[in-house]
Amino acid sequence: MTFAREHRGLGVLHNLSLLLIATLLIAGCGAVRARSSIGEAEEAISRAEAIRAERVAPYEFAFAVEHLRKAREEAARAEHDDAARHAEVASDYAARAIAANEAAAADVGDAVEERSDDAN
């Protein structure tokens, strides 16, 4: 075998190795994004639970919880992009539940203040 043929064979092997490494890195990035998004969703839902936002915004809260469940399911099947998308929806809806709870608390505060002014 000539040097040129040996060298060409090594070049193909080198290119395949680079392709394999790139594929693994890309797949790994998806897993990292999914894990990060799921963690953020878990934190958002925990915050919503802590203030009992499900009482004021039951739809938003339930939607967040269900999307987090689906995100975990997709992550377990290595469907990282789908897992990240579901986790992002979960975070968004948990934030909506929190905002609804805060708006309701502000409304109650305004009503109490209004009654106090009427009594004086």
Protein backbone atom coordinates (compact mmCIF):
# COMPACT_ATOMS: atom_id res chain seq x y z
CA MET A 1 0.00 0.00 0.00
CA THR A 2 1.34 3.42 -0.89
CA PHE A 3 1.65 6.28 1.51
CA ALA A 4 -1.03 8.26 -0.34
CA ARG A 5 -3.60 5.47 0.09
CA GLU A 6 -2.74 5.07 3.78
CA HIS A 7 -2.99 8.80 4.31
CA ARG A 8 -6.37 8.99 2.51
CA GLY A 9 -7.70 6.17 4.70
CA LEU A 10 -6.60 8.01 7.82
CA GLY A 11 -8.27 11.17 6.53
CA VAL A 12 -11.61 9.40 6.14
CA LEU A 13 -11.25 7.87 9.59
CA HIS A 14 -10.38 11.28 11.01
CA ASN A 15 -13.43 12.87 9.34
CA LEU A 16 -15.72 10.14 10.66
CA SER A 17 -14.29 10.63 14.14
CA LEU A 18 -14.95 14.36 13.96
CA LEU A 19 -18.48 13.73 12.76
CA LEU A 20 -19.10 11.34 15.64
CA ILE A 21 -17.72 13.82 18.17
CA ALA A 22 -19.84 16.64 16.75
CA THR A 23 -22.95 14.47 16.89
CA LEU A 24 -22.29 13.54 20.50
CA LEU A 25 -21.68 17.15 21.46
CA ILE A 26 -24.89 18.30 19.80
CA ALA A 27 -26.86 15.54 21.51
CA GLY A 28 -25.26 16.45 24.82
CA CYS A 29 -26.21 20.10 24.43
CA GLY A 30 -29.85 19.10 23.99
CA ALA A 31 -29.73 17.09 27.19
CA VAL A 32 -28.19 19.99 29.10
CA ARG A 33 -30.83 22.40 27.80
CA ALA A 34 -33.60 19.98 28.73
CA ARG A 35 -32.24 19.43 32.25
CA SER A 36 -31.83 23.16 32.76
CA SER A 37 -35.33 23.93 31.49
CA ILE A 38 -36.85 21.21 33.67
CA GLY A 39 -35.02 22.58 36.71
CA GLU A 40 -36.33 26.07 36.02
CA ALA A 41 -39.87 24.73 35.62
CA GLU A 42 -39.60 22.82 38.89
CA GLU A 43 -38.51 26.00 40.67
CA ALA A 44 -41.33 28.06 39.13
CA ILE A 45 -43.94 25.48 40.09
CA SER A 46 -42.51 25.29 43.62
CA ARG A 47 -42.85 29.07 43.91
CA ALA A 48 -46.44 28.86 42.68
CA GLU A 49 -47.19 26.09 45.20
CA ALA A 50 -45.62 28.08 48.03
CA ILE A 51 -48.06 30.95 47.51
CA ARG A 52 -50.94 28.56 46.75
CA ALA A 53 -51.43 30.05 43.28
CA GLU A 54 -53.52 27.03 42.27
CA ARG A 55 -56.44 28.56 44.21
CA VAL A 56 -56.50 31.70 42.07
CA ALA A 57 -55.26 30.27 38.77
CA PRO A 58 -56.13 26.57 38.75
CA TYR A 59 -55.98 26.25 34.95
CA GLU A 60 -52.56 27.85 34.63
CA PHE A 61 -51.19 25.89 37.56
CA ALA A 62 -52.53 22.53 36.31
CA PHE A 63 -51.25 23.28 32.80
CA ALA A 64 -47.78 24.00 34.22
CA VAL A 65 -47.75 20.80 36.27
CA GLU A 66 -48.89 18.69 33.33
CA HIS A 67 -46.25 20.16 31.00
CA LEU A 68 -43.56 19.50 33.59
CA ARG A 69 -44.74 15.88 33.81
CA LYS A 70 -44.57 15.62 30.01
CA ALA A 71 -41.11 17.25 29.97
CA ARG A 72 -39.80 14.64 32.37
CA GLU A 73 -41.35 11.88 30.29
CA GLU A 74 -39.75 13.19 27.09
CA ALA A 75 -36.38 13.60 28.81
CA ALA A 76 -36.54 9.97 29.97
CA ARG A 77 -36.96 8.94 26.33
CA ALA A 78 -34.03 11.16 25.28
CA GLU A 79 -36.37 13.49 23.36
CA HIS A 80 -34.45 16.48 24.66
CA ASP A 81 -35.85 19.19 22.38
CA ASP A 82 -39.42 18.17 23.19
CA ALA A 83 -38.56 17.97 26.88
CA ALA A 84 -37.11 21.49 26.84
CA ARG A 85 -40.17 22.87 25.02
CA HIS A 86 -42.58 21.31 27.50
CA ALA A 87 -40.49 22.56 30.42
CA GLU A 88 -40.49 26.09 28.99
CA VAL A 89 -44.29 25.98 28.68
CA ALA A 90 -44.46 24.76 32.28
CA SER A 91 -42.32 27.68 33.45
CA ASP A 92 -44.44 30.15 31.49
CA TYR A 93 -47.71 28.89 32.94
CA ALA A 94 -46.32 28.72 36.47
CA ALA A 95 -45.30 32.37 36.06
CA ARG A 96 -48.84 33.17 34.86
CA ALA A 97 -50.29 31.47 37.94
CA ILE A 98 -47.95 33.48 40.17
CA ALA A 99 -48.88 36.72 38.40
CA ALA A 100 -52.61 35.95 38.74
CA ASN A 101 -52.11 35.29 42.44
CA GLU A 102 -50.25 38.57 42.89
CA ALA A 103 -52.95 40.46 40.97
CA ALA A 104 -55.66 38.90 43.14
CA ALA A 105 -53.73 39.83 46.29
CA ALA A 106 -53.42 43.42 45.04
CA ASP A 107 -57.16 43.52 44.34
CA VAL A 108 -57.91 42.32 47.87
CA GLY A 109 -55.54 44.93 49.26
CA ASP A 110 -57.27 47.66 47.24
CA ALA A 111 -60.70 46.49 48.44
CA VAL A 112 -59.58 46.53 52.09
CA GLU A 113 -58.11 49.98 51.66
CA GLU A 114 -61.30 51.20 50.01
CA ARG A 115 -63.44 49.87 52.89
CA SER A 116 -61.12 51.50 55.38
CA ASP A 117 -61.52 54.86 53.62
CA ASP A 118 -65.32 54.44 53.56
CA ALA A 119 -65.42 53.70 57.30
CA ASN A 120 -63.60 56.94 58.14
